[in-house]
Amino acid sequence: PPRSTLSSSSAASDVYKRQRYDRPPYTSLVRGIVRARNLLLRGAERFVAISRRTEAEFLAAGLPRERVLYLPHGVDTRRFRPATAEERAGLRTRLGLPADAFLVVFTGRLLEGKGVEVLLEAAARLSSTLPRLQVVLVGSGAGQALTIEDALRAQAATPALAGRVTFTGRVDNVEDYLRAADVFGFPSFFEALPLSVIEAAACGLPCATTRIGGIVDVIEHDCSGLLVEPGDAAGLAEALARLEGNPGLRARLGAAARETAVRQFDFDGHVELYRELFELLASGSRPIAGP
């Protein structure tokens, strides 16, 4: 068989930061493992970068331009699609969500580094000024080493948030919660390219998220969403308040997010690009140009 191999990467160094292993005596061991991994991967004939930041990291590491291909995640833009007002109302009824709430949804694992505690802090700051604000956390941290689900449940039980936060646990119908929402909140501290943000964009949701990693490949500030700095609960609260008070802004940002998702991150197109890439690698030809 051909020797061609393929490797992809994420912002692993960011994930490592702020964790309990980022200190002696683990530091030297982790660095050694990373060096060994990099030596092994340098033999790959092509490297797939799922974000522009990852692409830049590959090139900065000295990989030849022709061996690096920018090819981000794709999502099913038919499954993840905008809801009409009637569909949104029906989904809220079926999911047991308040019909008249300003609904902010987060989807993902409830783990350290996802910034969910920052989202709840921002909601608490708005408790007296946005009485309709409700936060829905779609996902779970159960059974995972970096879970903060118990801490989040305690935070949600404080007076400012009591009755304002819904925990769904793991669900298969993530798109239903997105399509029932008004805004997507995703204040993560580090990401390579989060599928959650792409799925929300495909649903036509305005995103209040952070200016990090591959998120900026999907969301442009004040064009398809609002970007804040990681950990900035006050800035996130301001972004949510701005979106709540301006339905026209939500519609404009959501439409632009949907257009970006369809144009750059549609699943069918990315499957075809991967198929072409594998065929070209097997034949020894040059790689395809990315999207």
C-alpha atoms as a PDB file:
ATOM      1  CA  PRO A   1       0.000   0.000   0.000  1.00  0.00           C
ATOM      2  CA  PRO A   2       1.131   3.612  -0.442  1.00  0.00           C
ATOM      3  CA  ARG A   3       3.093   5.144   2.410  1.00  0.00           C
ATOM      4  CA  SER A   4       0.861   8.233   2.450  1.00  0.00           C
ATOM      5  CA  THR A   5      -0.462   9.135   5.877  1.00  0.00           C
ATOM      6  CA  LEU A   6      -2.621  11.930   7.186  1.00  0.00           C
ATOM      7  CA  SER A   7      -2.605  13.825  10.444  1.00  0.00           C
ATOM      8  CA  SER A   8      -4.839  16.512  11.894  1.00  0.00           C
ATOM      9  CA  SER A   9      -4.218  18.805  14.839  1.00  0.00           C
ATOM     10  CA  SER A  10      -6.000  21.027  17.330  1.00  0.00           C
ATOM     11  CA  ALA A  11      -4.873  23.721  19.731  1.00  0.00           C
ATOM     12  CA  ALA A  12      -3.708  21.054  22.159  1.00  0.00           C
ATOM     13  CA  SER A  13      -1.368  23.419  23.950  1.00  0.00           C
ATOM     14  CA  ASP A  14      -4.324  25.596  24.912  1.00  0.00           C
ATOM     15  CA  VAL A  15      -6.242  22.611  26.256  1.00  0.00           C
ATOM     16  CA  TYR A  16      -3.227  21.729  28.390  1.00  0.00           C
ATOM     17  CA  LYS A  17      -3.044  25.202  29.920  1.00  0.00           C
ATOM     18  CA  ARG A  18      -4.822  25.765  33.210  1.00  0.00           C
ATOM     19  CA  GLN A  19      -5.009  22.011  33.916  1.00  0.00           C
ATOM     20  CA  ARG A  20      -3.527  20.275  36.941  1.00  0.00           C
ATOM     21  CA  TYR A  21      -0.750  18.727  34.845  1.00  0.00           C
ATOM     22  CA  ASP A  22       0.669  22.123  33.849  1.00  0.00           C
ATOM     23  CA  ARG A  23       3.156  22.110  36.740  1.00  0.00           C
ATOM     24  CA  PRO A  24       6.130  20.080  37.981  1.00  0.00           C
ATOM     25  CA  PRO A  25       6.752  17.173  38.034  1.00  0.00           C
ATOM     26  CA  TYR A  26       4.395  16.605  35.096  1.00  0.00           C
ATOM     27  CA  THR A  27       5.742  19.434  32.905  1.00  0.00           C
ATOM     28  CA  SER A  28       8.911  17.663  31.757  1.00  0.00           C
ATOM     29  CA  LEU A  29       7.065  14.419  31.108  1.00  0.00           C
ATOM     30  CA  VAL A  30       4.396  16.145  29.009  1.00  0.00           C
ATOM     31  CA  ARG A  31       7.017  18.051  27.025  1.00  0.00           C
ATOM     32  CA  GLY A  32       8.849  14.803  26.306  1.00  0.00           C
ATOM     33  CA  ILE A  33       5.658  13.121  25.117  1.00  0.00           C
ATOM     34  CA  VAL A  34       4.851  16.087  22.868  1.00  0.00           C
ATOM     35  CA  ARG A  35       8.347  16.047  21.340  1.00  0.00           C
ATOM     36  CA  ALA A  36       8.071  12.321  20.644  1.00  0.00           C
ATOM     37  CA  ARG A  37       4.624  12.782  19.109  1.00  0.00           C
ATOM     38  CA  ASN A  38       5.869  15.597  16.883  1.00  0.00           C
ATOM     39  CA  LEU A  39       8.809  13.517  15.647  1.00  0.00           C
ATOM     40  CA  LEU A  40       6.426  10.698  14.767  1.00  0.00           C
ATOM     41  CA  LEU A  41       3.925  12.954  13.013  1.00  0.00           C
ATOM     42  CA  ARG A  42       6.534  14.782  10.954  1.00  0.00           C
ATOM     43  CA  GLY A  43       6.648  11.674   8.760  1.00  0.00           C
ATOM     44  CA  ALA A  44       3.067  12.241   7.623  1.00  0.00           C
ATOM     45  CA  GLU A  45       2.765  13.231   3.985  1.00  0.00           C
ATOM     46  CA  ARG A  46      -0.143  15.608   4.538  1.00  0.00           C
ATOM     47  CA  PHE A  47      -1.406  17.568   7.541  1.00  0.00           C
ATOM     48  CA  VAL A  48      -5.045  18.640   7.818  1.00  0.00           C
ATOM     49  CA  ALA A  49      -5.546  21.891   9.716  1.00  0.00           C
ATOM     50  CA  ILE A  50      -9.094  22.308  10.999  1.00  0.00           C
ATOM     51  CA  SER A  51      -8.641  26.023  11.707  1.00  0.00           C
ATOM     52  CA  ARG A  52      -6.537  28.880  10.387  1.00  0.00           C
ATOM     53  CA  ARG A  53      -4.745  29.016  13.722  1.00  0.00           C
ATOM     54  CA  THR A  54      -3.810  25.331  13.443  1.00  0.00           C
ATOM     55  CA  GLU A  55      -2.649  25.954   9.886  1.00  0.00           C
ATOM     56  CA  ALA A  56      -0.426  28.783  11.112  1.00  0.00           C
ATOM     57  CA  GLU A  57       0.980  26.538  13.861  1.00  0.00           C
ATOM     58  CA  PHE A  58       1.857  23.842  11.328  1.00  0.00           C
ATOM     59  CA  LEU A  59       3.652  26.343   9.120  1.00  0.00           C
ATOM     60  CA  ALA A  60       5.416  27.970  12.082  1.00  0.00           C
ATOM     61  CA  ALA A  61       6.683  24.496  13.054  1.00  0.00           C
ATOM     62  CA  GLY A  62       8.467  24.344   9.708  1.00  0.00           C
ATOM     63  CA  LEU A  63       6.150  22.101   7.716  1.00  0.00           C
ATOM     64  CA  PRO A  64       6.241  22.782   3.956  1.00  0.00           C
ATOM     65  CA  ARG A  65       3.263  24.707   2.654  1.00  0.00           C
ATOM     66  CA  GLU A  66       2.370  21.946   0.182  1.00  0.00           C
ATOM     67  CA  ARG A  67       1.956  19.391   2.979  1.00  0.00           C
ATOM     68  CA  VAL A  68      -0.566  21.501   4.928  1.00  0.00           C
ATOM     69  CA  LEU A  69      -4.227  21.582   3.932  1.00  0.00           C
ATOM     70  CA  TYR A  70      -6.829  23.791   5.584  1.00  0.00           C
ATOM     71  CA  LEU A  71      -9.954  21.637   5.853  1.00  0.00           C
ATOM     72  CA  PRO A  72     -12.274  22.480   8.771  1.00  0.00           C
ATOM     73  CA  HIS A  73     -15.108  20.438  10.238  1.00  0.00           C
ATOM     74  CA  GLY A  74     -18.385  20.243   8.355  1.00  0.00           C
ATOM     75  CA  VAL A  75     -21.926  20.012   9.707  1.00  0.00           C
ATOM     76  CA  ASP A  76     -25.232  18.867   8.251  1.00  0.00           C
ATOM     77  CA  THR A  77     -26.807  22.193   7.316  1.00  0.00           C
ATOM     78  CA  ARG A  78     -30.118  20.485   6.580  1.00  0.00           C
ATOM     79  CA  ARG A  79     -30.378  19.027  10.071  1.00  0.00           C
ATOM     80  CA  PHE A  80     -29.037  22.228  11.627  1.00  0.00           C
ATOM     81  CA  ARG A  81     -31.191  24.896  10.024  1.00  0.00           C
ATOM     82  CA  PRO A  82     -33.057  28.027  11.132  1.00  0.00           C
ATOM     83  CA  ALA A  83     -36.516  27.658  12.654  1.00  0.00           C
ATOM     84  CA  THR A  84     -39.544  29.706  11.721  1.00  0.00           C
ATOM     85  CA  ALA A  85     -41.353  31.518  14.524  1.00  0.00           C
ATOM     86  CA  GLU A  86     -44.006  28.785  14.510  1.00  0.00           C
ATOM     87  CA  GLU A  87     -41.394  26.019  14.635  1.00  0.00           C
ATOM     88  CA  ARG A  88     -39.577  27.749  17.477  1.00  0.00           C
ATOM     89  CA  ALA A  89     -42.762  28.033  19.505  1.00  0.00           C
ATOM     90  CA  GLY A  90     -43.610  24.382  18.898  1.00  0.00           C
ATOM     91  CA  LEU A  91     -40.138  23.251  19.910  1.00  0.00           C
ATOM     92  CA  ARG A  92     -40.299  25.203  23.165  1.00  0.00           C
ATOM     93  CA  THR A  93     -43.596  23.575  24.021  1.00  0.00           C
ATOM     94  CA  ARG A  94     -42.303  20.090  23.216  1.00  0.00           C
ATOM     95  CA  LEU A  95     -39.037  20.607  25.117  1.00  0.00           C
ATOM     96  CA  GLY A  96     -40.733  22.152  28.140  1.00  0.00           C
ATOM     97  CA  LEU A  97     -39.005  25.508  27.702  1.00  0.00           C
ATOM     98  CA  PRO A  98     -40.702  28.821  28.559  1.00  0.00           C
ATOM     99  CA  ALA A  99     -42.535  30.248  25.571  1.00  0.00           C
ATOM    100  CA  ASP A 100     -41.820  33.921  26.240  1.00  0.00           C
ATOM    101  CA  ALA A 101     -38.248  33.657  27.554  1.00  0.00           C
ATOM    102  CA  PHE A 102     -35.141  35.200  26.049  1.00  0.00           C
ATOM    103  CA  LEU A 103     -33.451  31.824  25.626  1.00  0.00           C
ATOM    104  CA  VAL A 104     -29.662  31.539  25.628  1.00  0.00           C
ATOM    105  CA  VAL A 105     -28.430  28.027  24.819  1.00  0.00           C
ATOM    106  CA  PHE A 106     -25.011  26.446  25.355  1.00  0.00           C
ATOM    107  CA  THR A 107     -24.200  23.051  23.803  1.00  0.00           C
ATOM    108  CA  GLY A 108     -21.181  20.998  24.738  1.00  0.00           C
ATOM    109  CA  ARG A 109     -19.551  19.152  27.580  1.00  0.00           C
ATOM    110  CA  LEU A 110     -19.729  20.757  31.016  1.00  0.00           C
ATOM    111  CA  LEU A 111     -15.990  20.735  31.563  1.00  0.00           C
ATOM    112  CA  GLU A 112     -13.318  23.046  32.867  1.00  0.00           C
ATOM    113  CA  GLY A 113     -12.216  25.399  30.109  1.00  0.00           C
ATOM    114  CA  LYS A 114     -15.559  25.623  28.313  1.00  0.00           C
ATOM    115  CA  GLY A 115     -16.386  28.842  30.145  1.00  0.00           C
ATOM    116  CA  VAL A 116     -19.864  27.739  31.205  1.00  0.00           C
ATOM    117  CA  GLU A 117     -19.339  29.292  34.630  1.00  0.00           C
ATOM    118  CA  VAL A 118     -18.645  32.602  32.850  1.00  0.00           C
ATOM    119  CA  LEU A 119     -21.959  32.298  31.006  1.00  0.00           C
ATOM    120  CA  LEU A 120     -23.785  31.767  34.303  1.00  0.00           C
ATOM    121  CA  GLU A 121     -21.950  34.688  35.893  1.00  0.00           C
ATOM    122  CA  ALA A 122     -22.994  36.899  32.971  1.00  0.00           C
ATOM    123  CA  ALA A 123     -26.600  35.723  33.388  1.00  0.00           C
ATOM    124  CA  ALA A 124     -26.456  36.501  37.095  1.00  0.00           C
ATOM    125  CA  ARG A 125     -25.285  40.038  36.304  1.00  0.00           C
ATOM    126  CA  LEU A 126     -28.373  40.471  34.123  1.00  0.00           C
ATOM    127  CA  SER A 127     -30.879  38.982  36.562  1.00  0.00           C
ATOM    128  CA  SER A 128     -32.344  42.321  37.589  1.00  0.00           C
ATOM    129  CA  THR A 129     -32.386  43.935  34.138  1.00  0.00           C
ATOM    130  CA  LEU A 130     -33.404  41.017  31.897  1.00  0.00           C
ATOM    131  CA  PRO A 131     -36.218  39.214  33.725  1.00  0.00           C
ATOM    132  CA  ARG A 132     -36.978  37.038  30.668  1.00  0.00           C
ATOM    133  CA  LEU A 133     -33.434  35.638  30.444  1.00  0.00           C
ATOM    134  CA  GLN A 134     -33.194  31.839  30.667  1.00  0.00           C
ATOM    135  CA  VAL A 135     -30.066  29.738  30.132  1.00  0.00           C
ATOM    136  CA  VAL A 136     -30.222  26.169  28.798  1.00  0.00           C
ATOM    137  CA  LEU A 137     -27.108  24.015  29.186  1.00  0.00           C
ATOM    138  CA  VAL A 138     -27.274  21.159  26.693  1.00  0.00           C
ATOM    139  CA  GLY A 139     -24.709  18.527  27.603  1.00  0.00           C
ATOM    140  CA  SER A 140     -23.114  16.828  30.572  1.00  0.00           C
ATOM    141  CA  GLY A 141     -19.848  16.476  32.418  1.00  0.00           C
ATOM    142  CA  ALA A 142     -20.745  13.205  34.118  1.00  0.00           C
ATOM    143  CA  GLY A 143     -17.958  10.655  34.299  1.00  0.00           C
ATOM    144  CA  GLN A 144     -15.293  12.973  32.846  1.00  0.00           C
ATOM    145  CA  ALA A 145     -12.084  13.999  34.590  1.00  0.00           C
ATOM    146  CA  LEU A 146     -12.482  17.736  34.069  1.00  0.00           C
ATOM    147  CA  THR A 147     -16.190  17.948  34.869  1.00  0.00           C
ATOM    148  CA  ILE A 148     -17.513  21.039  36.602  1.00  0.00           C
ATOM    149  CA  GLU A 149     -21.163  20.034  36.414  1.00  0.00           C
ATOM    150  CA  ASP A 150     -21.638  19.895  40.197  1.00  0.00           C
ATOM    151  CA  ALA A 151     -20.097  23.356  40.561  1.00  0.00           C
ATOM    152  CA  LEU A 152     -22.348  24.686  37.809  1.00  0.00           C
ATOM    153  CA  ARG A 153     -25.441  23.242  39.488  1.00  0.00           C
ATOM    154  CA  ALA A 154     -24.407  24.942  42.726  1.00  0.00           C
ATOM    155  CA  GLN A 155     -23.864  28.203  40.864  1.00  0.00           C
ATOM    156  CA  ALA A 156     -27.284  27.870  39.206  1.00  0.00           C
ATOM    157  CA  ALA A 157     -28.918  27.481  42.624  1.00  0.00           C
ATOM    158  CA  THR A 158     -27.738  30.899  43.859  1.00  0.00           C
ATOM    159  CA  PRO A 159     -30.466  33.534  44.346  1.00  0.00           C
ATOM    160  CA  ALA A 160     -29.616  35.472  41.166  1.00  0.00           C
ATOM    161  CA  LEU A 161     -29.967  32.357  38.995  1.00  0.00           C
ATOM    162  CA  ALA A 162     -32.545  30.231  40.802  1.00  0.00           C
ATOM    163  CA  GLY A 163     -35.131  29.037  38.275  1.00  0.00           C
ATOM    164  CA  ARG A 164     -33.223  30.551  35.353  1.00  0.00           C
ATOM    165  CA  VAL A 165     -30.964  27.642  34.331  1.00  0.00           C
ATOM    166  CA  THR A 166     -31.984  24.336  32.737  1.00  0.00           C
ATOM    167  CA  PHE A 167     -29.659  21.326  32.609  1.00  0.00           C
ATOM    168  CA  THR A 168     -30.682  18.873  29.887  1.00  0.00           C
ATOM    169  CA  GLY A 169     -27.953  16.267  30.317  1.00  0.00           C
ATOM    170  CA  ARG A 170     -26.801  14.377  27.225  1.00  0.00           C
ATOM    171  CA  VAL A 171     -29.299  14.551  24.389  1.00  0.00           C
ATOM    172  CA  ASP A 172     -29.431  13.296  20.807  1.00  0.00           C
ATOM    173  CA  ASN A 173     -31.611  16.141  19.513  1.00  0.00           C
ATOM    174  CA  VAL A 174     -29.167  19.013  19.993  1.00  0.00           C
ATOM    175  CA  GLU A 175     -30.600  20.776  16.954  1.00  0.00           C
ATOM    176  CA  ASP A 176     -34.023  21.079  18.592  1.00  0.00           C
ATOM    177  CA  TYR A 177     -32.605  23.113  21.465  1.00  0.00           C
ATOM    178  CA  LEU A 178     -30.628  25.316  19.098  1.00  0.00           C
ATOM    179  CA  ARG A 179     -33.640  25.930  16.890  1.00  0.00           C
ATOM    180  CA  ALA A 180     -35.728  26.816  19.964  1.00  0.00           C
ATOM    181  CA  ALA A 181     -33.198  29.421  21.132  1.00  0.00           C
ATOM    182  CA  ASP A 182     -32.764  33.146  20.629  1.00  0.00           C
ATOM    183  CA  VAL A 183     -28.977  33.261  21.129  1.00  0.00           C
ATOM    184  CA  PHE A 184     -26.084  30.837  21.395  1.00  0.00           C
ATOM    185  CA  GLY A 185     -23.700  31.454  24.304  1.00  0.00           C
ATOM    186  CA  PHE A 186     -20.261  29.822  24.109  1.00  0.00           C
ATOM    187  CA  PRO A 187     -17.580  31.610  26.200  1.00  0.00           C
ATOM    188  CA  SER A 188     -14.890  28.914  25.920  1.00  0.00           C
ATOM    189  CA  PHE A 189     -11.304  29.562  26.982  1.00  0.00           C
ATOM    190  CA  PHE A 190      -9.696  27.422  24.271  1.00  0.00           C
ATOM    191  CA  GLU A 191     -10.889  25.729  21.104  1.00  0.00           C
ATOM    192  CA  ALA A 192      -9.405  24.453  17.875  1.00  0.00           C
ATOM    193  CA  LEU A 193     -12.681  24.569  15.927  1.00  0.00           C
ATOM    194  CA  PRO A 194     -15.821  23.826  17.973  1.00  0.00           C
ATOM    195  CA  LEU A 195     -18.585  21.997  16.137  1.00  0.00           C
ATOM    196  CA  SER A 196     -21.027  23.561  18.599  1.00  0.00           C
ATOM    197  CA  VAL A 197     -20.422  27.027  17.173  1.00  0.00           C
ATOM    198  CA  ILE A 198     -20.752  25.819  13.580  1.00  0.00           C
ATOM    199  CA  GLU A 199     -24.003  24.012  14.398  1.00  0.00           C
ATOM    200  CA  ALA A 200     -25.409  27.116  16.073  1.00  0.00           C
ATOM    201  CA  ALA A 201     -24.400  29.260  13.106  1.00  0.00           C
ATOM    202  CA  ALA A 202     -26.066  26.784  10.744  1.00  0.00           C
ATOM    203  CA  CYS A 203     -29.262  27.197  12.785  1.00  0.00           C
ATOM    204  CA  GLY A 204     -29.113  30.932  12.136  1.00  0.00           C
ATOM    205  CA  LEU A 205     -28.391  31.798  15.755  1.00  0.00           C
ATOM    206  CA  PRO A 206     -26.457  34.927  16.667  1.00  0.00           C
ATOM    207  CA  CYS A 207     -23.490  33.745  18.740  1.00  0.00           C
ATOM    208  CA  ALA A 208     -22.060  35.442  21.817  1.00  0.00           C
ATOM    209  CA  THR A 209     -18.704  33.727  22.036  1.00  0.00           C
ATOM    210  CA  THR A 210     -14.996  34.252  22.573  1.00  0.00           C
ATOM    211  CA  ARG A 211     -12.269  35.582  20.319  1.00  0.00           C
ATOM    212  CA  ILE A 212     -10.086  32.480  20.334  1.00  0.00           C
ATOM    213  CA  GLY A 213      -8.786  29.658  18.137  1.00  0.00           C
ATOM    214  CA  GLY A 214     -10.966  28.586  15.241  1.00  0.00           C
ATOM    215  CA  ILE A 215     -14.054  30.398  16.528  1.00  0.00           C
ATOM    216  CA  VAL A 216     -12.911  33.466  14.604  1.00  0.00           C
ATOM    217  CA  ASP A 217     -13.007  31.369  11.410  1.00  0.00           C
ATOM    218  CA  VAL A 218     -16.766  31.043  11.917  1.00  0.00           C
ATOM    219  CA  ILE A 219     -17.823  34.211  13.726  1.00  0.00           C
ATOM    220  CA  GLU A 220     -16.878  37.718  12.691  1.00  0.00           C
ATOM    221  CA  HIS A 221     -17.543  40.342  15.347  1.00  0.00           C
ATOM    222  CA  ASP A 222     -20.611  42.471  14.685  1.00  0.00           C
ATOM    223  CA  CYS A 223     -21.160  40.629  11.397  1.00  0.00           C
ATOM    224  CA  SER A 224     -22.197  37.078  12.308  1.00  0.00           C
ATOM    225  CA  GLY A 225     -21.988  37.295  16.087  1.00  0.00           C
ATOM    226  CA  LEU A 226     -20.465  39.129  19.013  1.00  0.00           C
ATOM    227  CA  LEU A 227     -16.988  38.271  20.305  1.00  0.00           C
ATOM    228  CA  VAL A 228     -15.633  38.885  23.794  1.00  0.00           C
ATOM    229  CA  GLU A 229     -12.397  37.992  25.533  1.00  0.00           C
ATOM    230  CA  PRO A 230     -12.183  34.689  27.443  1.00  0.00           C
ATOM    231  CA  GLY A 231     -13.285  35.044  31.051  1.00  0.00           C
ATOM    232  CA  ASP A 232     -14.924  38.439  30.506  1.00  0.00           C
ATOM    233  CA  ALA A 233     -18.291  37.944  32.219  1.00  0.00           C
ATOM    234  CA  ALA A 234     -19.051  41.673  32.120  1.00  0.00           C
ATOM    235  CA  GLY A 235     -18.379  41.822  28.381  1.00  0.00           C
ATOM    236  CA  LEU A 236     -20.481  38.739  27.782  1.00  0.00           C
ATOM    237  CA  ALA A 237     -23.329  40.201  29.831  1.00  0.00           C
ATOM    238  CA  GLU A 238     -23.127  43.364  27.746  1.00  0.00           C
ATOM    239  CA  ALA A 239     -23.252  41.312  24.532  1.00  0.00           C
ATOM    240  CA  LEU A 240     -26.288  39.337  25.730  1.00  0.00           C
ATOM    241  CA  ALA A 241     -28.092  42.494  26.808  1.00  0.00           C
ATOM    242  CA  ARG A 242     -27.391  44.079  23.433  1.00  0.00           C
ATOM    243  CA  LEU A 243     -28.808  41.049  21.632  1.00  0.00           C
ATOM    244  CA  GLU A 244     -31.868  40.843  23.875  1.00  0.00           C
ATOM    245  CA  GLY A 245     -32.758  44.464  23.232  1.00  0.00           C
ATOM    246  CA  ASN A 246     -32.352  44.381  19.465  1.00  0.00           C
ATOM    247  CA  PRO A 247     -34.284  41.695  17.532  1.00  0.00           C
ATOM    248  CA  GLY A 248     -33.142  43.250  14.262  1.00  0.00           C
ATOM    249  CA  LEU A 249     -29.513  42.774  15.256  1.00  0.00           C
ATOM    250  CA  ARG A 250     -30.212  39.150  16.168  1.00  0.00           C
ATOM    251  CA  ALA A 251     -31.809  38.556  12.791  1.00  0.00           C
ATOM    252  CA  ARG A 252     -28.932  40.209  10.904  1.00  0.00           C
ATOM    253  CA  LEU A 253     -26.188  38.361  12.771  1.00  0.00           C
ATOM    254  CA  GLY A 254     -28.045  35.056  12.577  1.00  0.00           C
ATOM    255  CA  ALA A 255     -28.587  35.323   8.831  1.00  0.00           C
ATOM    256  CA  ALA A 256     -24.900  36.072   8.278  1.00  0.00           C
ATOM    257  CA  ALA A 257     -23.898  33.153  10.510  1.00  0.00           C
ATOM    258  CA  ARG A 258     -26.135  30.805   8.540  1.00  0.00           C
ATOM    259  CA  GLU A 259     -24.676  32.006   5.255  1.00  0.00           C
ATOM    260  CA  THR A 260     -21.136  31.393   6.532  1.00  0.00           C
ATOM    261  CA  ALA A 261     -22.032  27.898   7.747  1.00  0.00           C
ATOM    262  CA  VAL A 262     -23.568  26.916   4.414  1.00  0.00           C
ATOM    263  CA  ARG A 263     -20.774  28.437   2.338  1.00  0.00           C
ATOM    264  CA  GLN A 264     -17.757  27.251   4.335  1.00  0.00           C
ATOM    265  CA  PHE A 265     -18.788  24.375   6.605  1.00  0.00           C
ATOM    266  CA  ASP A 266     -21.399  22.275   4.816  1.00  0.00           C
ATOM    267  CA  PHE A 267     -20.845  18.577   5.603  1.00  0.00           C
ATOM    268  CA  ASP A 268     -21.475  17.208   2.117  1.00  0.00           C
ATOM    269  CA  GLY A 269     -18.860  19.420   0.536  1.00  0.00           C
ATOM    270  CA  HIS A 270     -16.281  18.486   3.165  1.00  0.00           C
ATOM    271  CA  VAL A 271     -16.889  14.758   2.749  1.00  0.00           C
ATOM    272  CA  GLU A 272     -16.204  15.169  -0.947  1.00  0.00           C
ATOM    273  CA  LEU A 273     -13.016  17.119  -0.230  1.00  0.00           C
ATOM    274  CA  TYR A 274     -11.783  14.370   2.092  1.00  0.00           C
ATOM    275  CA  ARG A 275     -12.617  11.735  -0.528  1.00  0.00           C
ATOM    276  CA  GLU A 276     -10.614  13.618  -3.133  1.00  0.00           C
ATOM    277  CA  LEU A 277      -7.750  14.078  -0.688  1.00  0.00           C
ATOM    278  CA  PHE A 278      -7.536  10.367   0.137  1.00  0.00           C
ATOM    279  CA  GLU A 279      -7.629   9.457  -3.559  1.00  0.00           C
ATOM    280  CA  LEU A 280      -4.876  11.932  -4.363  1.00  0.00           C
ATOM    281  CA  LEU A 281      -2.733  10.743  -1.448  1.00  0.00           C
ATOM    282  CA  ALA A 282      -3.135   7.134  -2.579  1.00  0.00           C
ATOM    283  CA  SER A 283      -2.124   8.055  -6.103  1.00  0.00           C
ATOM    284  CA  GLY A 284       0.823  10.178  -5.007  1.00  0.00           C
ATOM    285  CA  SER A 285      -0.635  13.291  -6.607  1.00  0.00           C
ATOM    286  CA  ARG A 286      -0.608  16.773  -5.188  1.00  0.00           C
ATOM    287  CA  PRO A 287      -3.313  17.533  -2.584  1.00  0.00           C
ATOM    288  CA  ILE A 288      -6.460  19.400  -3.390  1.00  0.00           C
ATOM    289  CA  ALA A 289      -6.946  23.015  -2.463  1.00  0.00           C
ATOM    290  CA  GLY A 290      -9.091  23.448   0.632  1.00  0.00           C
ATOM    291  CA  PRO A 291     -12.407  25.301   0.896  1.00  0.00           C
END
